Amino acid sequence: IVGYFKLPVAAPISWLNTRPATAKEFSSKLPVIAIDCEMCATQDPVSGARNHNALCRISIVDGETRRTLLDTLVRPEWPVIDYRTWVNGIKKEDLENVQFTIRHAQALVLELCHEETVIVGHAVHHDLAAIKLEHTCVADSAFLFKSNEGESKICSLHDIAKAVLRKEMPSVHDSVNDAITAFDCVNHYREKRGCVESIERSKRTERTRQEHAIQLFVHRIPRSVDETHLSILFVSHADIT
């Protein structure tokens, strides 16, 4: 007799929309909040699917008072396969006892803002995607400031902050600091009525080049090709220096 059992699978996290503003909220001054998130890479132990932008920290700052409304680590839905500590400073032990989840983050964001709230950030679409939140009223410093290398090049928050705020950003991200900095950059753009100079993009550091050099992404590998085939391929046809 061959039997089987079903593994318990949690319901997938749903995408949400910010709620409509009430009459009182709509008639008052539009609220502004700045958001920044840190992400890690996770993998579903059942299906093997990967999420390369799983939420692991969220910070929200009030645009008027610059007061931190929320700053917390977030327990990813799936096991983490890359903490990206060199980017976000978050280590394995930091997330071990965290009980705050993406569902909690969604609930709090929906309480803090409505569809008329201006959400400020840098490349904020990535942050909203990590939260799984659809919101169209945004001010994004990544698209307001243009690079001196052409409009197709996106400037980093580090370069914008250095150029317009004379502010040096730390090498390891801090989502509270990033949210405040993005807000200050957008506010600078607003005060100048968009009349801002193009931003000089910094060159990659040697550390960054080395870190990216050790990452190899291969796509569209046939299902019939397994780890052994790939190992033979690289050993036979590649030189490691």
C-alpha atoms as a PDB file:
ATOM      1  CA  ILE A   1       0.000   0.000   0.000  1.00  0.00           C
ATOM      2  CA  VAL A   2       1.463   3.307  -1.051  1.00  0.00           C
ATOM      3  CA  GLY A   3       0.267   6.240   0.994  1.00  0.00           C
ATOM      4  CA  TYR A   4       1.027   9.903   0.956  1.00  0.00           C
ATOM      5  CA  PHE A   5       0.544  12.942   3.127  1.00  0.00           C
ATOM      6  CA  LYS A   6       0.271  16.619   2.354  1.00  0.00           C
ATOM      7  CA  LEU A   7       2.772  19.047   3.783  1.00  0.00           C
ATOM      8  CA  PRO A   8       1.184  22.025   5.519  1.00  0.00           C
ATOM      9  CA  VAL A   9       1.572  24.975   3.186  1.00  0.00           C
ATOM     10  CA  ALA A  10       0.821  28.482   4.412  1.00  0.00           C
ATOM     11  CA  ALA A  11      -1.419  30.650   2.280  1.00  0.00           C
ATOM     12  CA  PRO A  12       0.665  32.896   0.017  1.00  0.00           C
ATOM     13  CA  ILE A  13       1.069  36.514   1.040  1.00  0.00           C
ATOM     14  CA  SER A  14      -1.438  38.582  -0.903  1.00  0.00           C
ATOM     15  CA  TRP A  15      -0.770  41.912  -2.569  1.00  0.00           C
ATOM     16  CA  LEU A  16      -2.724  44.741  -0.963  1.00  0.00           C
ATOM     17  CA  ASN A  17      -3.873  48.212  -1.980  1.00  0.00           C
ATOM     18  CA  THR A  18      -3.827  51.229   0.291  1.00  0.00           C
ATOM     19  CA  ARG A  19      -7.298  52.144   1.520  1.00  0.00           C
ATOM     20  CA  PRO A  20      -9.331  55.121   0.245  1.00  0.00           C
ATOM     21  CA  ALA A  21      -9.018  58.299   2.293  1.00  0.00           C
ATOM     22  CA  THR A  22     -11.924  59.254   4.516  1.00  0.00           C
ATOM     23  CA  ALA A  23     -13.622  62.610   3.900  1.00  0.00           C
ATOM     24  CA  LYS A  24     -11.773  64.113   6.864  1.00  0.00           C
ATOM     25  CA  GLU A  25      -8.424  62.736   5.710  1.00  0.00           C
ATOM     26  CA  PHE A  26      -8.987  63.876   2.128  1.00  0.00           C
ATOM     27  CA  SER A  27      -9.814  67.441   3.156  1.00  0.00           C
ATOM     28  CA  SER A  28      -6.794  67.789   5.452  1.00  0.00           C
ATOM     29  CA  LYS A  29      -3.133  68.238   4.545  1.00  0.00           C
ATOM     30  CA  LEU A  30      -1.809  65.256   2.627  1.00  0.00           C
ATOM     31  CA  PRO A  31       0.373  63.124   4.888  1.00  0.00           C
ATOM     32  CA  VAL A  32       3.906  62.233   3.771  1.00  0.00           C
ATOM     33  CA  ILE A  33       5.910  59.252   4.945  1.00  0.00           C
ATOM     34  CA  ALA A  34       9.333  57.966   3.903  1.00  0.00           C
ATOM     35  CA  ILE A  35       9.879  54.221   3.607  1.00  0.00           C
ATOM     36  CA  ASP A  36      12.979  52.106   3.237  1.00  0.00           C
ATOM     37  CA  CYS A  37      13.302  48.343   3.432  1.00  0.00           C
ATOM     38  CA  GLU A  38      16.139  45.859   3.618  1.00  0.00           C
ATOM     39  CA  MET A  39      15.864  42.602   1.744  1.00  0.00           C
ATOM     40  CA  CYS A  40      17.437  39.148   1.765  1.00  0.00           C
ATOM     41  CA  ALA A  41      17.164  36.057  -0.429  1.00  0.00           C
ATOM     42  CA  THR A  42      14.936  33.161   0.643  1.00  0.00           C
ATOM     43  CA  GLN A  43      13.883  29.789  -0.716  1.00  0.00           C
ATOM     44  CA  ASP A  44      10.696  27.770  -0.346  1.00  0.00           C
ATOM     45  CA  PRO A  45      11.743  24.374   1.099  1.00  0.00           C
ATOM     46  CA  VAL A  46       8.785  22.661  -0.615  1.00  0.00           C
ATOM     47  CA  SER A  47       8.802  24.034  -4.172  1.00  0.00           C
ATOM     48  CA  GLY A  48      12.359  25.333  -4.322  1.00  0.00           C
ATOM     49  CA  ALA A  49      11.121  28.723  -5.503  1.00  0.00           C
ATOM     50  CA  ARG A  50      13.304  31.670  -4.534  1.00  0.00           C
ATOM     51  CA  ASN A  51      12.532  35.207  -3.457  1.00  0.00           C
ATOM     52  CA  HIS A  52      15.571  37.443  -3.958  1.00  0.00           C
ATOM     53  CA  ASN A  53      13.856  40.448  -2.392  1.00  0.00           C
ATOM     54  CA  ALA A  54      12.306  39.078   0.779  1.00  0.00           C
ATOM     55  CA  LEU A  55      11.527  41.693   3.414  1.00  0.00           C
ATOM     56  CA  CYS A  56      13.781  41.480   6.494  1.00  0.00           C
ATOM     57  CA  ARG A  57      13.640  45.056   7.850  1.00  0.00           C
ATOM     58  CA  ILE A  58      11.222  47.942   7.381  1.00  0.00           C
ATOM     59  CA  SER A  59      11.546  51.548   8.504  1.00  0.00           C
ATOM     60  CA  ILE A  60       8.931  54.289   8.163  1.00  0.00           C
ATOM     61  CA  VAL A  61       9.583  57.938   8.989  1.00  0.00           C
ATOM     62  CA  ASP A  62       7.026  60.742   9.314  1.00  0.00           C
ATOM     63  CA  GLY A  63       7.730  63.334   6.623  1.00  0.00           C
ATOM     64  CA  GLU A  64       6.641  66.307   8.696  1.00  0.00           C
ATOM     65  CA  THR A  65       8.278  65.571  12.045  1.00  0.00           C
ATOM     66  CA  ARG A  66      11.025  63.185  10.813  1.00  0.00           C
ATOM     67  CA  ARG A  67      10.002  60.964  13.708  1.00  0.00           C
ATOM     68  CA  THR A  68      10.511  57.231  13.235  1.00  0.00           C
ATOM     69  CA  LEU A  69       7.063  55.634  13.125  1.00  0.00           C
ATOM     70  CA  LEU A  70       8.253  52.076  12.606  1.00  0.00           C
ATOM     71  CA  ASP A  71      11.635  50.366  12.564  1.00  0.00           C
ATOM     72  CA  THR A  72      11.722  46.621  12.972  1.00  0.00           C
ATOM     73  CA  LEU A  73      13.302  43.460  11.665  1.00  0.00           C
ATOM     74  CA  VAL A  74      10.926  41.172   9.793  1.00  0.00           C
ATOM     75  CA  ARG A  75      10.905  37.390   9.831  1.00  0.00           C
ATOM     76  CA  PRO A  76      10.955  36.187   6.206  1.00  0.00           C
ATOM     77  CA  GLU A  77       8.273  33.808   5.036  1.00  0.00           C
ATOM     78  CA  TRP A  78      10.817  31.207   3.808  1.00  0.00           C
ATOM     79  CA  PRO A  79      14.246  30.131   5.106  1.00  0.00           C
ATOM     80  CA  VAL A  80      17.010  32.612   4.285  1.00  0.00           C
ATOM     81  CA  ILE A  81      19.699  31.492   1.837  1.00  0.00           C
ATOM     82  CA  ASP A  82      21.535  34.826   1.631  1.00  0.00           C
ATOM     83  CA  TYR A  83      21.333  37.388   4.419  1.00  0.00           C
ATOM     84  CA  ARG A  84      23.288  40.012   2.397  1.00  0.00           C
ATOM     85  CA  THR A  85      24.950  41.114   5.599  1.00  0.00           C
ATOM     86  CA  TRP A  86      27.559  43.133   3.700  1.00  0.00           C
ATOM     87  CA  VAL A  87      24.684  45.295   2.379  1.00  0.00           C
ATOM     88  CA  ASN A  88      22.206  45.519   5.261  1.00  0.00           C
ATOM     89  CA  GLY A  89      24.230  44.502   8.327  1.00  0.00           C
ATOM     90  CA  ILE A  90      21.652  41.839   9.229  1.00  0.00           C
ATOM     91  CA  LYS A  91      23.031  38.496  10.427  1.00  0.00           C
ATOM     92  CA  LYS A  92      21.462  35.094  10.949  1.00  0.00           C
ATOM     93  CA  GLU A  93      21.291  35.515  14.720  1.00  0.00           C
ATOM     94  CA  ASP A  94      19.494  38.858  14.334  1.00  0.00           C
ATOM     95  CA  LEU A  95      16.461  37.176  12.751  1.00  0.00           C
ATOM     96  CA  GLU A  96      16.345  33.972  14.823  1.00  0.00           C
ATOM     97  CA  ASN A  97      13.800  35.165  17.408  1.00  0.00           C
ATOM     98  CA  VAL A  98      11.970  37.761  15.333  1.00  0.00           C
ATOM     99  CA  GLN A  99       8.194  37.268  15.378  1.00  0.00           C
ATOM    100  CA  PHE A 100       7.212  40.311  13.313  1.00  0.00           C
ATOM    101  CA  THR A 101       6.161  39.157   9.820  1.00  0.00           C
ATOM    102  CA  ILE A 102       5.322  40.712   6.476  1.00  0.00           C
ATOM    103  CA  ARG A 103       1.624  40.445   7.391  1.00  0.00           C
ATOM    104  CA  HIS A 104       2.271  42.612  10.444  1.00  0.00           C
ATOM    105  CA  ALA A 105       4.165  45.065   8.234  1.00  0.00           C
ATOM    106  CA  GLN A 106       1.289  45.233   5.765  1.00  0.00           C
ATOM    107  CA  ALA A 107      -1.248  45.830   8.533  1.00  0.00           C
ATOM    108  CA  LEU A 108       0.777  48.673  10.051  1.00  0.00           C
ATOM    109  CA  VAL A 109       1.446  50.349   6.698  1.00  0.00           C
ATOM    110  CA  LEU A 110      -2.269  50.265   5.900  1.00  0.00           C
ATOM    111  CA  GLU A 111      -2.966  51.922   9.249  1.00  0.00           C
ATOM    112  CA  LEU A 112      -0.357  54.622   8.680  1.00  0.00           C
ATOM    113  CA  CYS A 113      -1.336  55.661   5.175  1.00  0.00           C
ATOM    114  CA  HIS A 114      -4.177  55.780   2.650  1.00  0.00           C
ATOM    115  CA  GLU A 115      -4.195  56.062  -1.135  1.00  0.00           C
ATOM    116  CA  GLU A 116      -3.606  59.852  -0.997  1.00  0.00           C
ATOM    117  CA  THR A 117      -0.559  59.548   1.288  1.00  0.00           C
ATOM    118  CA  VAL A 118       2.686  60.513  -0.415  1.00  0.00           C
ATOM    119  CA  ILE A 119       5.213  57.713   0.061  1.00  0.00           C
ATOM    120  CA  VAL A 120       8.799  58.892  -0.382  1.00  0.00           C
ATOM    121  CA  GLY A 121      11.791  56.672  -0.980  1.00  0.00           C
ATOM    122  CA  HIS A 122      14.683  55.782  -3.245  1.00  0.00           C
ATOM    123  CA  ALA A 123      13.714  53.229  -5.895  1.00  0.00           C
ATOM    124  CA  VAL A 124      10.657  52.911  -3.705  1.00  0.00           C
ATOM    125  CA  HIS A 125       8.975  50.458  -6.063  1.00  0.00           C
ATOM    126  CA  HIS A 126      11.373  47.819  -4.723  1.00  0.00           C
ATOM    127  CA  ASP A 127      10.301  48.589  -1.149  1.00  0.00           C
ATOM    128  CA  LEU A 128       6.610  48.444  -2.042  1.00  0.00           C
ATOM    129  CA  ALA A 129       7.167  45.149  -3.862  1.00  0.00           C
ATOM    130  CA  ALA A 130       8.883  43.697  -0.778  1.00  0.00           C
ATOM    131  CA  ILE A 131       5.867  44.718   1.322  1.00  0.00           C
ATOM    132  CA  LYS A 132       3.558  43.557  -1.492  1.00  0.00           C
ATOM    133  CA  LEU A 133       1.721  46.854  -1.477  1.00  0.00           C
ATOM    134  CA  GLU A 134       0.262  48.643  -4.503  1.00  0.00           C
ATOM    135  CA  HIS A 135       0.431  52.424  -4.153  1.00  0.00           C
ATOM    136  CA  THR A 136       0.717  55.047  -6.883  1.00  0.00           C
ATOM    137  CA  CYS A 137       1.181  58.313  -4.962  1.00  0.00           C
ATOM    138  CA  VAL A 138       4.976  58.288  -4.598  1.00  0.00           C
ATOM    139  CA  ALA A 139       7.963  60.643  -4.774  1.00  0.00           C
ATOM    140  CA  ASP A 140      11.068  58.726  -5.801  1.00  0.00           C
ATOM    141  CA  SER A 141      14.516  60.303  -5.536  1.00  0.00           C
ATOM    142  CA  ALA A 142      15.911  57.678  -7.935  1.00  0.00           C
ATOM    143  CA  PHE A 143      13.861  59.148 -10.796  1.00  0.00           C
ATOM    144  CA  LEU A 144      13.866  62.820  -9.851  1.00  0.00           C
ATOM    145  CA  PHE A 145      17.630  63.272 -10.133  1.00  0.00           C
ATOM    146  CA  LYS A 146      19.379  62.629 -13.432  1.00  0.00           C
ATOM    147  CA  SER A 147      22.859  61.253 -13.950  1.00  0.00           C
ATOM    148  CA  ASN A 148      25.534  63.143 -15.863  1.00  0.00           C
ATOM    149  CA  GLU A 149      26.006  59.910 -17.840  1.00  0.00           C
ATOM    150  CA  GLY A 150      22.540  60.082 -19.379  1.00  0.00           C
ATOM    151  CA  GLU A 151      18.897  59.642 -18.408  1.00  0.00           C
ATOM    152  CA  SER A 152      19.079  55.861 -18.666  1.00  0.00           C
ATOM    153  CA  LYS A 153      21.500  55.697 -15.722  1.00  0.00           C
ATOM    154  CA  ILE A 154      19.959  55.601 -12.243  1.00  0.00           C
ATOM    155  CA  CYS A 155      21.819  57.428  -9.486  1.00  0.00           C
ATOM    156  CA  SER A 156      22.393  55.792  -6.124  1.00  0.00           C
ATOM    157  CA  LEU A 157      21.117  57.404  -2.946  1.00  0.00           C
ATOM    158  CA  HIS A 158      24.759  57.607  -1.873  1.00  0.00           C
ATOM    159  CA  ASP A 159      25.650  59.791  -4.876  1.00  0.00           C
ATOM    160  CA  ILE A 160      22.549  62.000  -4.627  1.00  0.00           C
ATOM    161  CA  ALA A 161      23.037  62.594  -0.894  1.00  0.00           C
ATOM    162  CA  LYS A 162      26.689  63.488  -1.424  1.00  0.00           C
ATOM    163  CA  ALA A 163      25.867  65.914  -4.248  1.00  0.00           C
ATOM    164  CA  VAL A 164      22.816  67.756  -2.896  1.00  0.00           C
ATOM    165  CA  LEU A 165      23.085  67.311   0.882  1.00  0.00           C
ATOM    166  CA  ARG A 166      26.876  67.095   1.243  1.00  0.00           C
ATOM    167  CA  LYS A 167      26.153  63.973   3.264  1.00  0.00           C
ATOM    168  CA  GLU A 168      28.328  60.880   3.328  1.00  0.00           C
ATOM    169  CA  MET A 169      26.352  57.645   3.539  1.00  0.00           C
ATOM    170  CA  PRO A 170      27.710  54.621   5.448  1.00  0.00           C
ATOM    171  CA  SER A 171      28.798  51.568   3.464  1.00  0.00           C
ATOM    172  CA  VAL A 172      26.302  49.352   5.336  1.00  0.00           C
ATOM    173  CA  HIS A 173      22.704  50.389   4.830  1.00  0.00           C
ATOM    174  CA  ASP A 174      20.560  51.665   7.681  1.00  0.00           C
ATOM    175  CA  SER A 175      16.945  51.816   6.588  1.00  0.00           C
ATOM    176  CA  VAL A 176      16.011  54.652   8.971  1.00  0.00           C
ATOM    177  CA  ASN A 177      18.898  56.766   7.716  1.00  0.00           C
ATOM    178  CA  ASP A 178      18.098  55.849   4.103  1.00  0.00           C
ATOM    179  CA  ALA A 179      14.430  56.813   4.503  1.00  0.00           C
ATOM    180  CA  ILE A 180      15.314  60.183   6.055  1.00  0.00           C
ATOM    181  CA  THR A 181      17.976  60.835   3.419  1.00  0.00           C
ATOM    182  CA  ALA A 182      15.623  60.021   0.544  1.00  0.00           C
ATOM    183  CA  PHE A 183      13.057  62.397   2.042  1.00  0.00           C
ATOM    184  CA  ASP A 184      15.651  65.172   2.385  1.00  0.00           C
ATOM    185  CA  CYS A 185      16.747  64.688  -1.236  1.00  0.00           C
ATOM    186  CA  VAL A 186      13.152  64.843  -2.490  1.00  0.00           C
ATOM    187  CA  ASN A 187      12.525  67.911  -0.338  1.00  0.00           C
ATOM    188  CA  HIS A 188      15.615  69.562  -1.860  1.00  0.00           C
ATOM    189  CA  TYR A 189      14.238  68.834  -5.330  1.00  0.00           C
ATOM    190  CA  ARG A 190      10.890  70.362  -4.344  1.00  0.00           C
ATOM    191  CA  GLU A 191      12.466  73.486  -2.872  1.00  0.00           C
ATOM    192  CA  LYS A 192      14.491  73.974  -6.065  1.00  0.00           C
ATOM    193  CA  ARG A 193      11.326  73.380  -8.123  1.00  0.00           C
ATOM    194  CA  GLY A 194      13.133  70.693 -10.054  1.00  0.00           C
ATOM    195  CA  CYS A 195      15.998  72.985 -11.093  1.00  0.00           C
ATOM    196  CA  VAL A 196      18.786  70.707  -9.886  1.00  0.00           C
ATOM    197  CA  GLU A 197      22.092  69.805 -11.456  1.00  0.00           C
ATOM    198  CA  SER A 198      22.822  66.337 -12.790  1.00  0.00           C
ATOM    199  CA  ILE A 199      24.470  63.903 -10.400  1.00  0.00           C
ATOM    200  CA  GLU A 200      27.950  62.489 -10.881  1.00  0.00           C
ATOM    201  CA  ARG A 201      27.839  58.758 -10.393  1.00  0.00           C
ATOM    202  CA  SER A 202      30.642  57.290  -8.333  1.00  0.00           C
ATOM    203  CA  LYS A 203      32.721  54.439  -9.674  1.00  0.00           C
ATOM    204  CA  ARG A 204      32.444  50.996  -8.187  1.00  0.00           C
ATOM    205  CA  THR A 205      34.888  50.302  -5.408  1.00  0.00           C
ATOM    206  CA  GLU A 206      37.318  47.424  -5.627  1.00  0.00           C
ATOM    207  CA  ARG A 207      35.339  45.647  -2.903  1.00  0.00           C
ATOM    208  CA  THR A 208      32.119  45.923  -4.887  1.00  0.00           C
ATOM    209  CA  ARG A 209      33.779  44.609  -8.047  1.00  0.00           C
ATOM    210  CA  GLN A 210      35.174  41.629  -6.165  1.00  0.00           C
ATOM    211  CA  GLU A 211      31.836  40.831  -4.536  1.00  0.00           C
ATOM    212  CA  HIS A 212      30.041  40.915  -7.870  1.00  0.00           C
ATOM    213  CA  ALA A 213      32.831  38.941  -9.539  1.00  0.00           C
ATOM    214  CA  ILE A 214      32.165  35.892  -7.358  1.00  0.00           C
ATOM    215  CA  GLN A 215      28.483  35.803  -8.338  1.00  0.00           C
ATOM    216  CA  LEU A 216      27.520  33.892 -11.454  1.00  0.00           C
ATOM    217  CA  PHE A 217      23.937  33.809 -12.667  1.00  0.00           C
ATOM    218  CA  VAL A 218      23.005  31.203 -15.260  1.00  0.00           C
ATOM    219  CA  HIS A 219      19.530  31.203 -16.768  1.00  0.00           C
ATOM    220  CA  ARG A 220      17.454  28.803 -18.847  1.00  0.00           C
ATOM    221  CA  ILE A 221      19.320  25.662 -17.807  1.00  0.00           C
ATOM    222  CA  PRO A 222      17.469  22.604 -19.185  1.00  0.00           C
ATOM    223  CA  ARG A 223      15.820  20.454 -16.523  1.00  0.00           C
ATOM    224  CA  SER A 224      17.847  17.456 -17.727  1.00  0.00           C
ATOM    225  CA  VAL A 225      21.103  19.188 -16.734  1.00  0.00           C
ATOM    226  CA  ASP A 226      22.060  18.450 -13.140  1.00  0.00           C
ATOM    227  CA  GLU A 227      24.841  19.576 -10.806  1.00  0.00           C
ATOM    228  CA  THR A 228      27.263  16.916 -12.103  1.00  0.00           C
ATOM    229  CA  HIS A 229      26.928  18.112 -15.697  1.00  0.00           C
ATOM    230  CA  LEU A 230      27.615  21.706 -14.662  1.00  0.00           C
ATOM    231  CA  SER A 231      30.615  20.674 -12.576  1.00  0.00           C
ATOM    232  CA  ILE A 232      32.167  18.809 -15.515  1.00  0.00           C
ATOM    233  CA  LEU A 233      31.466  21.771 -17.789  1.00  0.00           C
ATOM    234  CA  PHE A 234      33.280  24.295 -15.592  1.00  0.00           C
ATOM    235  CA  VAL A 235      36.183  22.008 -14.715  1.00  0.00           C
ATOM    236  CA  SER A 236      36.779  21.145 -18.375  1.00  0.00           C
ATOM    237  CA  HIS A 237      36.233  24.514 -20.020  1.00  0.00           C
ATOM    238  CA  ALA A 238      36.931  27.229 -17.449  1.00  0.00           C
ATOM    239  CA  ASP A 239      40.043  28.604 -15.845  1.00  0.00           C
ATOM    240  CA  ILE A 240      39.873  29.885 -12.248  1.00  0.00           C
ATOM    241  CA  THR A 241      42.355  32.634 -11.448  1.00  0.00           C
END
